[in-house]
PDB file of N, CA and C in Angstrom:
ATOM      1  N   MET A   1       0.863  -1.136  -0.005  1.00  0.00           N
ATOM      2  CA  MET A   1      -0.031   0.033  -0.055  1.00  0.00           C
ATOM      3  C   MET A   1       0.875   1.223   0.062  1.00  0.00           C
ATOM      4  N   ALA A   2       0.497   2.213  -0.662  1.00  0.00           N
ATOM      5  CA  ALA A   2       1.245   3.498  -0.811  1.00  0.00           C
ATOM      6  C   ALA A   2       0.613   4.604   0.087  1.00  0.00           C
ATOM      7  N   ASP A   3       1.467   5.332   0.641  1.00  0.00           N
ATOM      8  CA  ASP A   3       0.683   6.403   1.556  1.00  0.00           C
ATOM      9  C   ASP A   3       1.463   7.565   1.287  1.00  0.00           C
ATOM     10  N   ALA A   4       0.773   8.676   1.647  1.00  0.00           N
ATOM     11  CA  ALA A   4       1.380  10.118   1.402  1.00  0.00           C
ATOM     12  C   ALA A   4       1.020  10.973   2.741  1.00  0.00           C
ATOM     13  N   THR A   5       1.639  12.090   2.715  1.00  0.00           N
ATOM     14  CA  THR A   5       1.478  13.118   3.849  1.00  0.00           C
ATOM     15  C   THR A   5       0.850  14.289   3.170  1.00  0.00           C
ATOM     16  N   ILE A   6       0.019  14.888   3.798  1.00  0.00           N
ATOM     17  CA  ILE A   6      -0.709  16.234   3.382  1.00  0.00           C
ATOM     18  C   ILE A   6       0.108  17.503   4.052  1.00  0.00           C
ATOM     19  N   THR A   7       0.420  18.394   3.222  1.00  0.00           N
ATOM     20  CA  THR A   7       1.294  19.577   3.647  1.00  0.00           C
ATOM     21  C   THR A   7       0.375  20.437   4.278  1.00  0.00           C
ATOM     22  N   THR A   8       1.006  21.427   4.886  1.00  0.00           N
ATOM     23  CA  THR A   8       0.197  22.362   5.527  1.00  0.00           C
ATOM     24  C   THR A   8      -0.664  23.449   4.477  1.00  0.00           C
ATOM     25  N   LYS A   9      -0.264  23.267   3.230  1.00  0.00           N
ATOM     26  CA  LYS A   9      -1.239  23.986   2.259  1.00  0.00           C
ATOM     27  C   LYS A   9      -2.369  23.067   1.630  1.00  0.00           C
ATOM     28  N   GLY A  10      -2.331  21.715   2.177  1.00  0.00           N
ATOM     29  CA  GLY A  10      -3.411  20.848   1.787  1.00  0.00           C
ATOM     30  C   GLY A  10      -2.939  19.982   0.540  1.00  0.00           C
ATOM     31  N   GLN A  11      -1.614  20.043   0.205  1.00  0.00           N
ATOM     32  CA  GLN A  11      -1.136  19.527  -1.121  1.00  0.00           C
ATOM     33  C   GLN A  11      -0.576  17.966  -0.666  1.00  0.00           C
ATOM     34  N   VAL A  12      -0.828  17.082  -1.647  1.00  0.00           N
ATOM     35  CA  VAL A  12      -0.237  15.736  -1.420  1.00  0.00           C
ATOM     36  C   VAL A  12       0.569  15.245  -2.629  1.00  0.00           C
ATOM     37  N   THR A  13       1.604  14.693  -2.492  1.00  0.00           N
ATOM     38  CA  THR A  13       2.454  13.923  -3.604  1.00  0.00           C
ATOM     39  C   THR A  13       1.917  12.696  -3.776  1.00  0.00           C
ATOM     40  N   ILE A  14       1.526  12.341  -5.009  1.00  0.00           N
ATOM     41  CA  ILE A  14       1.004  11.080  -5.266  1.00  0.00           C
ATOM     42  C   ILE A  14       2.137  10.173  -5.323  1.00  0.00           C
ATOM     43  N   PRO A  15       2.266   9.047  -4.625  1.00  0.00           N
ATOM     44  CA  PRO A  15       3.410   8.211  -4.751  1.00  0.00           C
ATOM     45  C   PRO A  15       3.655   7.696  -5.998  1.00  0.00           C
ATOM     46  N   LYS A  16       5.003   7.387  -6.569  1.00  0.00           N
ATOM     47  CA  LYS A  16       5.360   7.035  -7.736  1.00  0.00           C
ATOM     48  C   LYS A  16       4.718   5.820  -8.247  1.00  0.00           C
ATOM     49  N   GLN A  17       4.486   4.830  -7.422  1.00  0.00           N
ATOM     50  CA  GLN A  17       3.825   3.528  -7.607  1.00  0.00           C
ATOM     51  C   GLN A  17       2.418   3.795  -8.364  1.00  0.00           C
ATOM     52  N   ILE A  18       1.753   4.827  -7.718  1.00  0.00           N
ATOM     53  CA  ILE A  18       0.433   5.024  -8.191  1.00  0.00           C
ATOM     54  C   ILE A  18       0.323   5.789  -9.283  1.00  0.00           C
ATOM     55  N   ARG A  19       1.262   6.974  -9.493  1.00  0.00           N
ATOM     56  CA  ARG A  19       1.451   7.607 -10.642  1.00  0.00           C
ATOM     57  C   ARG A  19       1.774   6.853 -11.881  1.00  0.00           C
ATOM     58  N   ASP A  20       2.610   5.833 -11.667  1.00  0.00           N
ATOM     59  CA  ASP A  20       2.927   4.926 -12.758  1.00  0.00           C
ATOM     60  C   ASP A  20       1.669   4.181 -13.132  1.00  0.00           C
ATOM     61  N   TYR A  21       0.910   3.546 -12.241  1.00  0.00           N
ATOM     62  CA  TYR A  21      -0.046   2.692 -12.386  1.00  0.00           C
ATOM     63  C   TYR A  21      -1.242   3.432 -13.199  1.00  0.00           C
ATOM     64  N   LEU A  22      -1.411   4.707 -12.746  1.00  0.00           N
ATOM     65  CA  LEU A  22      -2.450   5.449 -13.551  1.00  0.00           C
ATOM     66  C   LEU A  22      -1.995   6.509 -14.705  1.00  0.00           C
ATOM     67  N   ASN A  23      -0.724   6.152 -15.100  1.00  0.00           N
ATOM     68  CA  ASN A  23       0.001   6.897 -16.294  1.00  0.00           C
ATOM     69  C   ASN A  23      -0.147   8.467 -15.984  1.00  0.00           C
ATOM     70  N   LEU A  24       0.189   8.843 -14.752  1.00  0.00           N
ATOM     71  CA  LEU A  24       0.008  10.201 -14.523  1.00  0.00           C
ATOM     72  C   LEU A  24       1.456  10.950 -14.681  1.00  0.00           C
ATOM     73  N   ASP A  25       1.642  12.039 -15.412  1.00  0.00           N
ATOM     74  CA  ASP A  25       2.814  12.857 -15.365  1.00  0.00           C
ATOM     75  C   ASP A  25       2.571  14.267 -14.912  1.00  0.00           C
ATOM     76  N   ALA A  26       3.694  15.032 -14.766  1.00  0.00           N
ATOM     77  CA  ALA A  26       3.417  16.517 -14.403  1.00  0.00           C
ATOM     78  C   ALA A  26       2.253  17.195 -15.268  1.00  0.00           C
ATOM     79  N   GLY A  27       1.470  17.693 -14.705  1.00  0.00           N
ATOM     80  CA  GLY A  27       0.372  18.395 -15.349  1.00  0.00           C
ATOM     81  C   GLY A  27      -0.921  17.561 -15.667  1.00  0.00           C
ATOM     82  N   SER A  28      -0.753  16.380 -15.348  1.00  0.00           N
ATOM     83  CA  SER A  28      -2.074  15.487 -15.455  1.00  0.00           C
ATOM     84  C   SER A  28      -3.187  16.098 -14.669  1.00  0.00           C
ATOM     85  N   LYS A  29      -4.271  15.854 -14.991  1.00  0.00           N
ATOM     86  CA  LYS A  29      -5.554  16.360 -14.275  1.00  0.00           C
ATOM     87  C   LYS A  29      -6.128  15.077 -13.771  1.00  0.00           C
ATOM     88  N   VAL A  30      -6.628  15.240 -12.471  1.00  0.00           N
ATOM     89  CA  VAL A  30      -7.321  14.060 -11.816  1.00  0.00           C
ATOM     90  C   VAL A  30      -8.727  14.635 -11.206  1.00  0.00           C
ATOM     91  N   ASP A  31      -9.603  13.625 -10.929  1.00  0.00           N
ATOM     92  CA  ASP A  31     -10.800  14.194 -10.279  1.00  0.00           C
ATOM     93  C   ASP A  31     -10.998  13.279  -9.060  1.00  0.00           C
ATOM     94  N   PHE A  32     -11.734  13.877  -8.148  1.00  0.00           N
ATOM     95  CA  PHE A  32     -11.989  13.117  -6.852  1.00  0.00           C
ATOM     96  C   PHE A  32     -13.415  12.817  -6.716  1.00  0.00           C
ATOM     97  N   VAL A  33     -13.754  11.497  -6.497  1.00  0.00           N
ATOM     98  CA  VAL A  33     -15.168  10.916  -6.532  1.00  0.00           C
ATOM     99  C   VAL A  33     -15.503  10.607  -5.104  1.00  0.00           C
ATOM    100  N   ILE A  34     -16.366  11.165  -4.458  1.00  0.00           N
ATOM    101  CA  ILE A  34     -16.708  10.617  -3.020  1.00  0.00           C
ATOM    102  C   ILE A  34     -18.065   9.905  -3.138  1.00  0.00           C
ATOM    103  N   HIS A  35     -17.843   8.591  -2.766  1.00  0.00           N
ATOM    104  CA  HIS A  35     -19.123   7.796  -2.763  1.00  0.00           C
ATOM    105  C   HIS A  35     -19.895   7.794  -1.408  1.00  0.00           C
ATOM    106  N   GLU A  36     -21.073   7.370  -1.520  1.00  0.00           N
ATOM    107  CA  GLU A  36     -22.094   7.466  -0.231  1.00  0.00           C
ATOM    108  C   GLU A  36     -21.442   6.529   0.852  1.00  0.00           C
ATOM    109  N   ASN A  37     -20.549   5.495   0.484  1.00  0.00           N
ATOM    110  CA  ASN A  37     -20.120   4.719   1.721  1.00  0.00           C
ATOM    111  C   ASN A  37     -18.764   5.278   2.185  1.00  0.00           C
ATOM    112  N   GLY A  38     -18.428   6.522   1.715  1.00  0.00           N
ATOM    113  CA  GLY A  38     -17.227   7.086   2.290  1.00  0.00           C
ATOM    114  C   GLY A  38     -15.981   6.942   1.701  1.00  0.00           C
ATOM    115  N   ILE A  39     -16.107   6.075   0.494  1.00  0.00           N
ATOM    116  CA  ILE A  39     -14.660   5.687  -0.182  1.00  0.00           C
ATOM    117  C   ILE A  39     -14.452   6.995  -1.153  1.00  0.00           C
ATOM    118  N   VAL A  40     -13.288   7.399  -1.184  1.00  0.00           N
ATOM    119  CA  VAL A  40     -12.946   8.504  -2.162  1.00  0.00           C
ATOM    120  C   VAL A  40     -12.057   7.858  -3.328  1.00  0.00           C
ATOM    121  N   LYS A  41     -12.411   8.076  -4.573  1.00  0.00           N
ATOM    122  CA  LYS A  41     -11.573   7.676  -5.759  1.00  0.00           C
ATOM    123  C   LYS A  41     -10.974   8.807  -6.219  1.00  0.00           C
ATOM    124  N   LEU A  42      -9.661   8.482  -6.891  1.00  0.00           N
ATOM    125  CA  LEU A  42      -8.873   9.435  -7.749  1.00  0.00           C
ATOM    126  C   LEU A  42      -9.156   8.785  -8.982  1.00  0.00           C
ATOM    127  N   ILE A  43      -9.739   9.751  -9.990  1.00  0.00           N
ATOM    128  CA  ILE A  43      -9.863   9.438 -11.285  1.00  0.00           C
ATOM    129  C   ILE A  43      -8.911  10.054 -12.360  1.00  0.00           C
ATOM    130  N   PRO A  44      -8.001   9.569 -13.140  1.00  0.00           N
ATOM    131  CA  PRO A  44      -7.318  10.313 -14.076  1.00  0.00           C
ATOM    132  C   PRO A  44      -8.112  10.818 -15.030  1.00  0.00           C
ATOM    133  N   LEU A  45      -8.027  12.177 -15.549  1.00  0.00           N
ATOM    134  CA  LEU A  45      -8.773  12.777 -16.577  1.00  0.00           C
ATOM    135  C   LEU A  45      -7.887  12.821 -17.831  1.00  0.00           C
ATOM    136  N   ASN A  46      -6.536  12.733 -17.829  1.00  0.00           N
ATOM    137  CA  ASN A  46      -5.854  12.837 -19.015  1.00  0.00           C
ATOM    138  C   ASN A  46      -5.645  11.371 -19.717  1.00  0.00           C
ATOM    139  N   VAL A  47      -6.741  11.040 -20.327  1.00  0.00           N
ATOM    140  CA  VAL A  47      -6.862   9.558 -20.995  1.00  0.00           C
ATOM    141  C   VAL A  47      -6.250   9.887 -22.582  1.00  0.00           C
ATOM    142  N   PRO A  48      -5.148   9.036 -22.827  1.00  0.00           N
ATOM    143  CA  PRO A  48      -4.860   9.277 -24.164  1.00  0.00           C
ATOM    144  C   PRO A  48      -5.683   8.772 -25.328  1.00  0.00           C
ATOM    145  N   ILE A  49      -5.930   9.547 -26.075  1.00  0.00           N
ATOM    146  CA  ILE A  49      -6.912   9.326 -27.185  1.00  0.00           C
ATOM    147  C   ILE A  49      -6.632   7.967 -27.917  1.00  0.00           C
ATOM    148  N   GLN A  50      -5.513   7.413 -27.857  1.00  0.00           N
ATOM    149  CA  GLN A  50      -5.362   6.160 -28.436  1.00  0.00           C
ATOM    150  C   GLN A  50      -6.092   5.003 -27.644  1.00  0.00           C
ATOM    151  N   SER A  51      -6.296   5.150 -26.375  1.00  0.00           N
ATOM    152  CA  SER A  51      -7.013   4.158 -25.618  1.00  0.00           C
ATOM    153  C   SER A  51      -8.330   4.264 -25.813  1.00  0.00           C
ATOM    154  N   LEU A  52      -9.032   5.436 -26.151  1.00  0.00           N
ATOM    155  CA  LEU A  52     -10.422   5.427 -26.497  1.00  0.00           C
ATOM    156  C   LEU A  52     -10.763   4.853 -27.844  1.00  0.00           C
ATOM    157  N   SER A  53      -9.926   4.671 -28.875  1.00  0.00           N
ATOM    158  CA  SER A  53     -10.263   4.158 -30.098  1.00  0.00           C
ATOM    159  C   SER A  53     -10.818   2.761 -29.883  1.00  0.00           C
ATOM    160  N   VAL A  54     -10.227   2.055 -29.074  1.00  0.00           N
ATOM    161  CA  VAL A  54     -10.809   0.533 -28.704  1.00  0.00           C
ATOM    162  C   VAL A  54     -12.407   0.723 -28.488  1.00  0.00           C
ATOM    163  N   ILE A  55     -12.773   1.680 -27.651  1.00  0.00           N
ATOM    164  CA  ILE A  55     -14.025   1.752 -27.133  1.00  0.00           C
ATOM    165  C   ILE A  55     -14.922   2.216 -28.284  1.00  0.00           C
ATOM    166  N   LEU A  56     -14.483   3.204 -29.237  1.00  0.00           N
ATOM    167  CA  LEU A  56     -15.303   3.828 -30.231  1.00  0.00           C
ATOM    168  C   LEU A  56     -15.338   2.922 -31.452  1.00  0.00           C
ATOM    169  N   HIS A  57     -14.301   2.147 -31.756  1.00  0.00           N
ATOM    170  CA  HIS A  57     -14.267   1.398 -33.117  1.00  0.00           C
ATOM    171  C   HIS A  57     -15.247   0.165 -33.009  1.00  0.00           C
ATOM    172  N   ARG A  58     -15.866  -0.104 -34.108  1.00  0.00           N
ATOM    173  CA  ARG A  58     -16.812  -1.259 -34.204  1.00  0.00           C
ATOM    174  C   ARG A  58     -16.426  -2.036 -35.540  1.00  0.00           C
ATOM    175  N   PRO A  59     -16.566  -3.200 -35.378  1.00  0.00           N
ATOM    176  CA  PRO A  59     -16.162  -4.080 -36.543  1.00  0.00           C
ATOM    177  C   PRO A  59     -16.889  -3.667 -37.855  1.00  0.00           C
ATOM    178  N   GLY A  60     -16.082  -3.591 -39.000  1.00  0.00           N
ATOM    179  CA  GLY A  60     -16.489  -3.076 -40.407  1.00  0.00           C
ATOM    180  C   GLY A  60     -16.561  -1.666 -40.415  1.00  0.00           C
ATOM    181  N   MET A  61     -16.150  -0.906 -39.354  1.00  0.00           N
ATOM    182  CA  MET A  61     -16.363   0.575 -39.459  1.00  0.00           C
ATOM    183  C   MET A  61     -15.063   0.969 -40.286  1.00  0.00           C
ATOM    184  N   LYS A  62     -15.246   1.858 -41.223  1.00  0.00           N
ATOM    185  CA  LYS A  62     -14.147   2.439 -41.784  1.00  0.00           C
ATOM    186  C   LYS A  62     -13.600   3.606 -41.076  1.00  0.00           C
ATOM    187  N   ASN A  63     -12.272   3.954 -41.344  1.00  0.00           N
ATOM    188  CA  ASN A  63     -11.508   4.847 -40.656  1.00  0.00           C
ATOM    189  C   ASN A  63     -11.949   6.393 -41.333  1.00  0.00           C
ATOM    190  N   THR A  64     -12.108   7.279 -40.620  1.00  0.00           N
ATOM    191  CA  THR A  64     -12.485   8.726 -41.042  1.00  0.00           C
ATOM    192  C   THR A  64     -11.461   9.564 -40.868  1.00  0.00           C
ATOM    193  N   SER A  65     -11.126  10.532 -41.746  1.00  0.00           N
ATOM    194  CA  SER A  65     -10.206  11.575 -41.699  1.00  0.00           C
ATOM    195  C   SER A  65     -10.759  12.703 -40.814  1.00  0.00           C
ATOM    196  N   LEU A  66     -10.034  13.624 -40.287  1.00  0.00           N
ATOM    197  CA  LEU A  66     -10.327  14.716 -39.575  1.00  0.00           C
ATOM    198  C   LEU A  66     -11.178  15.620 -40.442  1.00  0.00           C
ATOM    199  N   GLU A  67     -10.825  15.703 -41.704  1.00  0.00           N
ATOM    200  CA  GLU A  67     -11.455  16.567 -42.594  1.00  0.00           C
ATOM    201  C   GLU A  67     -12.890  16.087 -42.986  1.00  0.00           C
ATOM    202  N   GLU A  68     -13.060  14.672 -43.028  1.00  0.00           N
ATOM    203  CA  GLU A  68     -14.466  14.202 -43.158  1.00  0.00           C
ATOM    204  C   GLU A  68     -15.405  14.452 -42.001  1.00  0.00           C
ATOM    205  N   MET A  69     -14.712  14.447 -40.813  1.00  0.00           N
ATOM    206  CA  MET A  69     -15.463  14.647 -39.623  1.00  0.00           C
ATOM    207  C   MET A  69     -15.902  16.189 -39.556  1.00  0.00           C
ATOM    208  N   GLU A  70     -15.128  16.999 -40.006  1.00  0.00           N
ATOM    209  CA  GLU A  70     -15.483  18.418 -40.107  1.00  0.00           C
ATOM    210  C   GLU A  70     -16.571  18.586 -40.864  1.00  0.00           C
ATOM    211  N   ARG A  71     -16.499  18.092 -42.042  1.00  0.00           N
ATOM    212  CA  ARG A  71     -17.585  18.062 -43.030  1.00  0.00           C
ATOM    213  C   ARG A  71     -18.952  17.736 -42.527  1.00  0.00           C
ATOM    214  N   SER A  72     -18.821  16.522 -41.850  1.00  0.00           N
ATOM    215  CA  SER A  72     -19.996  16.060 -41.319  1.00  0.00           C
ATOM    216  C   SER A  72     -20.593  17.009 -40.287  1.00  0.00           C
ATOM    217  N   ILE A  73     -19.808  17.308 -39.428  1.00  0.00           N
ATOM    218  CA  ILE A  73     -20.199  18.273 -38.322  1.00  0.00           C
ATOM    219  C   ILE A  73     -20.922  19.565 -38.774  1.00  0.00           C
ATOM    220  N   LYS A  74     -20.314  20.019 -39.901  1.00  0.00           N
ATOM    221  CA  LYS A  74     -20.751  21.295 -40.534  1.00  0.00           C
ATOM    222  C   LYS A  74     -22.264  20.992 -41.095  1.00  0.00           C
ATOM    223  N   LYS A  75     -22.157  19.858 -41.798  1.00  0.00           N
ATOM    224  CA  LYS A  75     -23.439  19.325 -42.504  1.00  0.00           C
ATOM    225  C   LYS A  75     -24.465  19.298 -41.424  1.00  0.00           C
ATOM    226  N   GLY A  76     -24.210  18.755 -40.441  1.00  0.00           N
ATOM    227  CA  GLY A  76     -25.151  18.420 -39.404  1.00  0.00           C
ATOM    228  C   GLY A  76     -25.610  19.852 -38.655  1.00  0.00           C
ATOM    229  N   ALA A  77     -24.724  20.809 -38.601  1.00  0.00           N
ATOM    230  CA  ALA A  77     -25.049  22.123 -37.919  1.00  0.00           C
ATOM    231  C   ALA A  77     -25.957  22.741 -38.939  1.00  0.00           C
ATOM    232  N   ARG A  78     -25.869  22.711 -40.122  1.00  0.00           N
ATOM    233  CA  ARG A  78     -26.669  23.270 -41.035  1.00  0.00           C
ATOM    234  C   ARG A  78     -28.222  22.803 -40.917  1.00  0.00           C
ATOM    235  N   ASN A  79     -28.237  21.537 -40.568  1.00  0.00           N
ATOM    236  CA  ASN A  79     -29.655  20.892 -40.517  1.00  0.00           C
ATOM    237  C   ASN A  79     -30.233  21.260 -39.261  1.00  0.00           C
ATOM    238  N   LEU A  80     -29.776  22.086 -38.415  1.00  0.00           N
ATOM    239  CA  LEU A  80     -30.310  22.089 -37.140  1.00  0.00           C
ATOM    240  C   LEU A  80     -31.420  23.296 -37.169  1.00  0.00           C
TER     241      LEU A  80
END
């Protein structure tokens, strides 16, 4: 288990073991979630876009360029 100490300014250094596990670097953003049972979770907000591609990709789906995405967004906005 990793532990840390709170400074007089309320700051905590996240132990290296935890930073490595969560892929946190200097400047990374995190969120704190307090559950009803009193457990507090630290959620990393800097998720690399590459890790999201697995979530968004569906079998048979073709790759789309940024330009194609921009055209589709503009087309959709005109139809509002």
